Amino acid sequence: DQEEDCKYCPIGYEIVINDLTKCYICGYSKYQDETGVTNVKCKTCLPNQFITDDRKLSVAHTAAGDCLDCTDGKFSKAGDRFCESCEAGKQRVNSSCVACEAGKFSTLETNFTCQNCSVGLYQPLTGTPYCLPCLPGTYQNSKGQPSCTSCPSGWLQKAVNSTLCTPVAANAFVLPGGAVSVVVPQGSFINATD
């Protein structure tokens, strides 16, 4: 209740509520840069910054400059002890990892940023590190799609990763699935019973 009861701590130290009798070194991702302040508390490093020391070295907690920046592609929330990175199929949004939407993917090569699947490719699932090829009989002419489209009746696609289907010749027909056509010999006809 008197001025002399107030506790002052040096930089790098703080007063802890349940023990007002002595000063304690700041915990991880905290620093204390003030002198002459009573009952001082440590301040928290900003998001994407950290201090790994946990109440061992006071010199590691004396200024905001003691907070280290996360390396490229990594992040931390304010007060986290370490930086982390997202796994493949996810991307960083603020200080957390979010799964890529269907039709998108992420990898180390994309710096864990979700990218649209290219034309001829698709991805029906969320949170994946790859896209799948459109199979014969299907195509995809738009980026970032969750599925491929079947070739229309009378149209054909024999290859994978296709972006279009082609019409079949007048003397041929396409078998179910749209990947194979059969040439009808001259003078023959097709008995369509379905």
C-alpha atoms as a PDB file:
ATOM      1  CA  ASP A   1       0.000   0.000   0.000  1.00  0.00           C
ATOM      2  CA  GLN A   2       3.030   2.252   0.228  1.00  0.00           C
ATOM      3  CA  GLU A   3       5.415   3.423  -2.482  1.00  0.00           C
ATOM      4  CA  GLU A   4       8.246   1.303  -1.043  1.00  0.00           C
ATOM      5  CA  ASP A   5       6.049  -1.832  -1.438  1.00  0.00           C
ATOM      6  CA  CYS A   6       6.093  -1.410  -5.253  1.00  0.00           C
ATOM      7  CA  LYS A   7       8.514  -3.721  -7.019  1.00  0.00           C
ATOM      8  CA  TYR A   8      10.767  -2.529  -9.868  1.00  0.00           C
ATOM      9  CA  CYS A   9      12.377  -5.019 -12.231  1.00  0.00           C
ATOM     10  CA  PRO A  10      15.288  -4.615 -14.644  1.00  0.00           C
ATOM     11  CA  ILE A  11      14.783  -5.084 -18.393  1.00  0.00           C
ATOM     12  CA  GLY A  12      14.180  -8.714 -19.376  1.00  0.00           C
ATOM     13  CA  TYR A  13      12.273  -9.371 -16.122  1.00  0.00           C
ATOM     14  CA  GLU A  14       8.676  -9.063 -14.910  1.00  0.00           C
ATOM     15  CA  ILE A  15       6.556  -9.297 -11.783  1.00  0.00           C
ATOM     16  CA  VAL A  16       4.356 -12.395 -11.590  1.00  0.00           C
ATOM     17  CA  ILE A  17       0.933 -11.907  -9.983  1.00  0.00           C
ATOM     18  CA  ASN A  18       1.200 -14.820  -7.548  1.00  0.00           C
ATOM     19  CA  ASP A  19       4.701 -13.774  -6.338  1.00  0.00           C
ATOM     20  CA  LEU A  20       5.241 -10.036  -5.941  1.00  0.00           C
ATOM     21  CA  THR A  21       8.440 -10.524  -3.938  1.00  0.00           C
ATOM     22  CA  LYS A  22      10.876 -11.036  -6.819  1.00  0.00           C
ATOM     23  CA  CYS A  23      11.360 -10.517 -10.540  1.00  0.00           C
ATOM     24  CA  TYR A  24      11.186 -13.340 -13.090  1.00  0.00           C
ATOM     25  CA  ILE A  25      12.835 -13.590 -16.516  1.00  0.00           C
ATOM     26  CA  CYS A  26      10.289 -13.265 -19.338  1.00  0.00           C
ATOM     27  CA  GLY A  27       8.917 -16.452 -20.905  1.00  0.00           C
ATOM     28  CA  TYR A  28       9.219 -17.490 -24.556  1.00  0.00           C
ATOM     29  CA  SER A  29       8.178 -14.919 -27.182  1.00  0.00           C
ATOM     30  CA  LYS A  30       8.053 -12.147 -24.567  1.00  0.00           C
ATOM     31  CA  TYR A  31      10.332  -9.222 -23.753  1.00  0.00           C
ATOM     32  CA  GLN A  32      10.423  -6.366 -21.258  1.00  0.00           C
ATOM     33  CA  ASP A  33      12.197  -3.149 -22.252  1.00  0.00           C
ATOM     34  CA  GLU A  34      11.164  -0.683 -19.505  1.00  0.00           C
ATOM     35  CA  THR A  35      12.930   0.483 -16.355  1.00  0.00           C
ATOM     36  CA  GLY A  36      11.477   2.356 -13.406  1.00  0.00           C
ATOM     37  CA  VAL A  37       7.989   0.914 -13.922  1.00  0.00           C
ATOM     38  CA  THR A  38       6.257  -0.711 -10.984  1.00  0.00           C
ATOM     39  CA  ASN A  39       4.755  -4.191 -11.314  1.00  0.00           C
ATOM     40  CA  VAL A  40       5.917  -4.401 -14.916  1.00  0.00           C
ATOM     41  CA  LYS A  41       4.790  -7.223 -17.233  1.00  0.00           C
ATOM     42  CA  CYS A  42       6.547  -8.691 -20.266  1.00  0.00           C
ATOM     43  CA  LYS A  43       5.235  -7.765 -23.712  1.00  0.00           C
ATOM     44  CA  THR A  44       4.410 -10.365 -26.377  1.00  0.00           C
ATOM     45  CA  CYS A  45       6.250 -10.594 -29.719  1.00  0.00           C
ATOM     46  CA  LEU A  46       4.164  -9.682 -32.767  1.00  0.00           C
ATOM     47  CA  PRO A  47       2.670 -12.366 -35.035  1.00  0.00           C
ATOM     48  CA  ASN A  48       5.342 -14.025 -37.207  1.00  0.00           C
ATOM     49  CA  GLN A  49       8.019 -13.321 -34.583  1.00  0.00           C
ATOM     50  CA  PHE A  50       9.308 -15.431 -31.692  1.00  0.00           C
ATOM     51  CA  ILE A  51      11.865 -15.905 -28.911  1.00  0.00           C
ATOM     52  CA  THR A  52      12.659 -19.540 -28.065  1.00  0.00           C
ATOM     53  CA  ASP A  53      14.253 -18.926 -24.645  1.00  0.00           C
ATOM     54  CA  ASP A  54      11.868 -19.694 -21.779  1.00  0.00           C
ATOM     55  CA  ARG A  55      12.916 -17.874 -18.579  1.00  0.00           C
ATOM     56  CA  LYS A  56      16.607 -18.866 -18.806  1.00  0.00           C
ATOM     57  CA  LEU A  57      18.528 -15.902 -20.305  1.00  0.00           C
ATOM     58  CA  SER A  58      17.367 -12.404 -19.369  1.00  0.00           C
ATOM     59  CA  VAL A  59      19.472 -10.901 -22.193  1.00  0.00           C
ATOM     60  CA  ALA A  60      17.225 -12.720 -24.711  1.00  0.00           C
ATOM     61  CA  HIS A  61      14.197 -10.697 -23.540  1.00  0.00           C
ATOM     62  CA  THR A  62      15.330  -7.040 -23.284  1.00  0.00           C
ATOM     63  CA  ALA A  63      13.827  -5.445 -26.425  1.00  0.00           C
ATOM     64  CA  ALA A  64      11.330  -5.931 -29.256  1.00  0.00           C
ATOM     65  CA  GLY A  65      14.395  -6.519 -31.461  1.00  0.00           C
ATOM     66  CA  ASP A  66      15.014  -9.775 -29.575  1.00  0.00           C
ATOM     67  CA  CYS A  67      11.917 -11.175 -31.302  1.00  0.00           C
ATOM     68  CA  LEU A  68      13.142 -13.061 -34.374  1.00  0.00           C
ATOM     69  CA  ASP A  69      11.230 -13.004 -37.669  1.00  0.00           C
ATOM     70  CA  CYS A  70       9.913 -16.274 -39.041  1.00  0.00           C
ATOM     71  CA  THR A  71      11.684 -17.413 -42.218  1.00  0.00           C
ATOM     72  CA  ASP A  72       9.882 -17.237 -45.585  1.00  0.00           C
ATOM     73  CA  GLY A  73       6.958 -19.631 -45.801  1.00  0.00           C
ATOM     74  CA  LYS A  74       6.672 -20.002 -42.014  1.00  0.00           C
ATOM     75  CA  PHE A  75       4.447 -18.189 -39.523  1.00  0.00           C
ATOM     76  CA  SER A  76       3.481 -17.921 -35.872  1.00  0.00           C
ATOM     77  CA  LYS A  77       0.703 -16.427 -33.818  1.00  0.00           C
ATOM     78  CA  ALA A  78       1.595 -13.717 -31.312  1.00  0.00           C
ATOM     79  CA  GLY A  79       3.168 -15.513 -28.346  1.00  0.00           C
ATOM     80  CA  ASP A  80       4.014 -18.792 -30.126  1.00  0.00           C
ATOM     81  CA  ARG A  81       7.397 -20.258 -29.229  1.00  0.00           C
ATOM     82  CA  PHE A  82       8.265 -21.437 -32.755  1.00  0.00           C
ATOM     83  CA  CYS A  83       7.305 -20.745 -36.359  1.00  0.00           C
ATOM     84  CA  GLU A  84       5.557 -23.416 -38.361  1.00  0.00           C
ATOM     85  CA  SER A  85       4.690 -24.047 -41.991  1.00  0.00           C
ATOM     86  CA  CYS A  86       1.687 -25.556 -43.710  1.00  0.00           C
ATOM     87  CA  GLU A  87       1.733 -29.069 -45.089  1.00  0.00           C
ATOM     88  CA  ALA A  88       1.124 -29.799 -48.759  1.00  0.00           C
ATOM     89  CA  GLY A  89      -2.520 -29.318 -49.726  1.00  0.00           C
ATOM     90  CA  LYS A  90      -2.897 -26.322 -47.413  1.00  0.00           C
ATOM     91  CA  GLN A  91      -1.960 -22.665 -47.450  1.00  0.00           C
ATOM     92  CA  ARG A  92      -1.287 -20.006 -44.866  1.00  0.00           C
ATOM     93  CA  VAL A  93      -4.171 -17.642 -44.115  1.00  0.00           C
ATOM     94  CA  ASN A  94      -3.098 -15.130 -41.466  1.00  0.00           C
ATOM     95  CA  SER A  95      -1.605 -17.347 -38.741  1.00  0.00           C
ATOM     96  CA  SER A  96      -3.171 -20.694 -39.552  1.00  0.00           C
ATOM     97  CA  CYS A  97      -3.233 -23.363 -42.259  1.00  0.00           C
ATOM     98  CA  VAL A  98      -6.364 -23.760 -44.391  1.00  0.00           C
ATOM     99  CA  ALA A  99      -7.044 -26.671 -46.779  1.00  0.00           C
ATOM    100  CA  CYS A 100      -7.077 -25.889 -50.500  1.00  0.00           C
ATOM    101  CA  GLU A 101     -10.549 -25.986 -52.059  1.00  0.00           C
ATOM    102  CA  ALA A 102     -11.589 -28.699 -54.517  1.00  0.00           C
ATOM    103  CA  GLY A 103     -10.036 -27.900 -57.898  1.00  0.00           C
ATOM    104  CA  LYS A 104      -6.846 -26.572 -56.261  1.00  0.00           C
ATOM    105  CA  PHE A 105      -3.589 -27.921 -54.792  1.00  0.00           C
ATOM    106  CA  SER A 106      -0.447 -26.751 -52.992  1.00  0.00           C
ATOM    107  CA  THR A 107       3.106 -28.102 -52.750  1.00  0.00           C
ATOM    108  CA  LEU A 108       6.589 -26.963 -51.791  1.00  0.00           C
ATOM    109  CA  GLU A 109       6.994 -25.782 -55.407  1.00  0.00           C
ATOM    110  CA  THR A 110       3.948 -23.484 -55.030  1.00  0.00           C
ATOM    111  CA  ASN A 111       5.355 -22.209 -51.698  1.00  0.00           C
ATOM    112  CA  PHE A 112       2.337 -23.892 -50.066  1.00  0.00           C
ATOM    113  CA  THR A 113      -0.018 -21.452 -51.785  1.00  0.00           C
ATOM    114  CA  CYS A 114      -3.156 -23.007 -53.281  1.00  0.00           C
ATOM    115  CA  GLN A 115      -3.093 -22.969 -57.081  1.00  0.00           C
ATOM    116  CA  ASN A 116      -5.791 -23.842 -59.612  1.00  0.00           C
ATOM    117  CA  CYS A 117      -5.482 -27.216 -61.318  1.00  0.00           C
ATOM    118  CA  SER A 118      -4.460 -26.652 -64.960  1.00  0.00           C
ATOM    119  CA  VAL A 119      -6.781 -27.343 -67.892  1.00  0.00           C
ATOM    120  CA  GLY A 120      -7.008 -31.080 -68.552  1.00  0.00           C
ATOM    121  CA  LEU A 121      -6.673 -31.731 -64.802  1.00  0.00           C
ATOM    122  CA  TYR A 122      -9.096 -31.745 -61.855  1.00  0.00           C
ATOM    123  CA  GLN A 123      -9.259 -32.400 -58.105  1.00  0.00           C
ATOM    124  CA  PRO A 124     -12.524 -33.427 -56.385  1.00  0.00           C
ATOM    125  CA  LEU A 125     -11.123 -33.354 -52.832  1.00  0.00           C
ATOM    126  CA  THR A 126     -10.063 -30.511 -50.544  1.00  0.00           C
ATOM    127  CA  GLY A 127      -6.581 -30.291 -49.012  1.00  0.00           C
ATOM    128  CA  THR A 128      -4.594 -32.214 -51.624  1.00  0.00           C
ATOM    129  CA  PRO A 129      -1.052 -31.711 -52.964  1.00  0.00           C
ATOM    130  CA  TYR A 130      -1.851 -32.765 -56.549  1.00  0.00           C
ATOM    131  CA  CYS A 131      -4.364 -32.682 -59.401  1.00  0.00           C
ATOM    132  CA  LEU A 132      -5.622 -35.687 -61.351  1.00  0.00           C
ATOM    133  CA  PRO A 133      -5.645 -36.067 -65.148  1.00  0.00           C
ATOM    134  CA  CYS A 134      -8.923 -36.193 -67.030  1.00  0.00           C
ATOM    135  CA  LEU A 135      -9.242 -39.766 -68.317  1.00  0.00           C
ATOM    136  CA  PRO A 136      -9.951 -40.762 -71.933  1.00  0.00           C
ATOM    137  CA  GLY A 137     -13.545 -39.954 -72.801  1.00  0.00           C
ATOM    138  CA  THR A 138     -13.502 -36.823 -70.629  1.00  0.00           C
ATOM    139  CA  TYR A 139     -12.067 -33.324 -70.851  1.00  0.00           C
ATOM    140  CA  GLN A 140     -11.646 -30.120 -68.859  1.00  0.00           C
ATOM    141  CA  ASN A 141     -11.080 -26.780 -70.599  1.00  0.00           C
ATOM    142  CA  SER A 142     -11.217 -24.593 -67.454  1.00  0.00           C
ATOM    143  CA  LYS A 143      -8.690 -24.181 -64.628  1.00  0.00           C
ATOM    144  CA  GLY A 144      -9.466 -24.995 -60.993  1.00  0.00           C
ATOM    145  CA  GLN A 145     -12.222 -27.542 -61.543  1.00  0.00           C
ATOM    146  CA  PRO A 146     -13.393 -30.348 -59.216  1.00  0.00           C
ATOM    147  CA  SER A 147     -14.303 -32.723 -62.079  1.00  0.00           C
ATOM    148  CA  CYS A 148     -13.932 -33.475 -65.773  1.00  0.00           C
ATOM    149  CA  THR A 149     -16.779 -33.427 -68.287  1.00  0.00           C
ATOM    150  CA  SER A 150     -17.767 -36.473 -70.357  1.00  0.00           C
ATOM    151  CA  CYS A 151     -17.537 -36.094 -74.119  1.00  0.00           C
ATOM    152  CA  PRO A 152     -20.959 -35.539 -75.709  1.00  0.00           C
ATOM    153  CA  SER A 153     -22.570 -38.303 -77.763  1.00  0.00           C
ATOM    154  CA  GLY A 154     -20.768 -38.747 -81.100  1.00  0.00           C
ATOM    155  CA  TRP A 155     -17.600 -37.086 -79.809  1.00  0.00           C
ATOM    156  CA  LEU A 156     -14.334 -38.784 -78.844  1.00  0.00           C
ATOM    157  CA  GLN A 157     -11.273 -38.257 -76.630  1.00  0.00           C
ATOM    158  CA  LYS A 158      -8.558 -40.944 -76.586  1.00  0.00           C
ATOM    159  CA  ALA A 159      -5.893 -39.164 -74.488  1.00  0.00           C
ATOM    160  CA  VAL A 160      -5.469 -38.174 -70.838  1.00  0.00           C
ATOM    161  CA  ASN A 161      -5.191 -34.501 -69.719  1.00  0.00           C
ATOM    162  CA  SER A 162      -7.538 -33.472 -72.522  1.00  0.00           C
ATOM    163  CA  THR A 163      -9.068 -30.049 -72.968  1.00  0.00           C
ATOM    164  CA  LEU A 164     -11.540 -30.942 -75.745  1.00  0.00           C
ATOM    165  CA  CYS A 165     -13.316 -33.776 -77.546  1.00  0.00           C
ATOM    166  CA  THR A 166     -13.382 -34.257 -81.320  1.00  0.00           C
ATOM    167  CA  PRO A 167     -16.271 -35.430 -83.506  1.00  0.00           C
ATOM    168  CA  VAL A 168     -15.947 -38.913 -84.981  1.00  0.00           C
ATOM    169  CA  ALA A 169     -15.873 -39.594 -88.697  1.00  0.00           C
ATOM    170  CA  ALA A 170     -19.190 -40.070 -90.515  1.00  0.00           C
ATOM    171  CA  ASN A 171     -18.535 -43.800 -90.968  1.00  0.00           C
ATOM    172  CA  ALA A 172     -17.740 -44.470 -87.257  1.00  0.00           C
ATOM    173  CA  PHE A 173     -19.431 -44.541 -83.895  1.00  0.00           C
ATOM    174  CA  VAL A 174     -18.168 -44.009 -80.354  1.00  0.00           C
ATOM    175  CA  LEU A 175     -18.338 -46.828 -77.835  1.00  0.00           C
ATOM    176  CA  PRO A 176     -19.736 -46.052 -74.373  1.00  0.00           C
ATOM    177  CA  GLY A 177     -17.218 -44.044 -72.356  1.00  0.00           C
ATOM    178  CA  GLY A 178     -16.200 -41.781 -75.253  1.00  0.00           C
ATOM    179  CA  ALA A 179     -12.624 -43.091 -75.521  1.00  0.00           C
ATOM    180  CA  VAL A 180     -12.890 -45.531 -78.447  1.00  0.00           C
ATOM    181  CA  SER A 181     -14.527 -45.294 -81.860  1.00  0.00           C
ATOM    182  CA  VAL A 182     -15.265 -48.103 -84.271  1.00  0.00           C
ATOM    183  CA  VAL A 183     -15.274 -47.649 -88.039  1.00  0.00           C
ATOM    184  CA  VAL A 184     -18.343 -49.164 -89.672  1.00  0.00           C
ATOM    185  CA  PRO A 185     -17.412 -50.865 -92.971  1.00  0.00           C
ATOM    186  CA  GLN A 186     -19.161 -49.521 -96.075  1.00  0.00           C
ATOM    187  CA  GLY A 187     -22.458 -51.300 -96.664  1.00  0.00           C
ATOM    188  CA  SER A 188     -22.857 -52.222 -92.946  1.00  0.00           C
ATOM    189  CA  PHE A 189     -25.168 -50.660 -90.423  1.00  0.00           C
ATOM    190  CA  ILE A 190     -25.364 -50.341 -86.643  1.00  0.00           C
ATOM    191  CA  ASN A 191     -28.207 -52.085 -84.821  1.00  0.00           C
ATOM    192  CA  ALA A 192     -28.820 -49.728 -81.887  1.00  0.00           C
ATOM    193  CA  THR A 193     -31.002 -51.665 -79.451  1.00  0.00           C
ATOM    194  CA  ASP A 194     -30.473 -49.558 -76.358  1.00  0.00           C
END
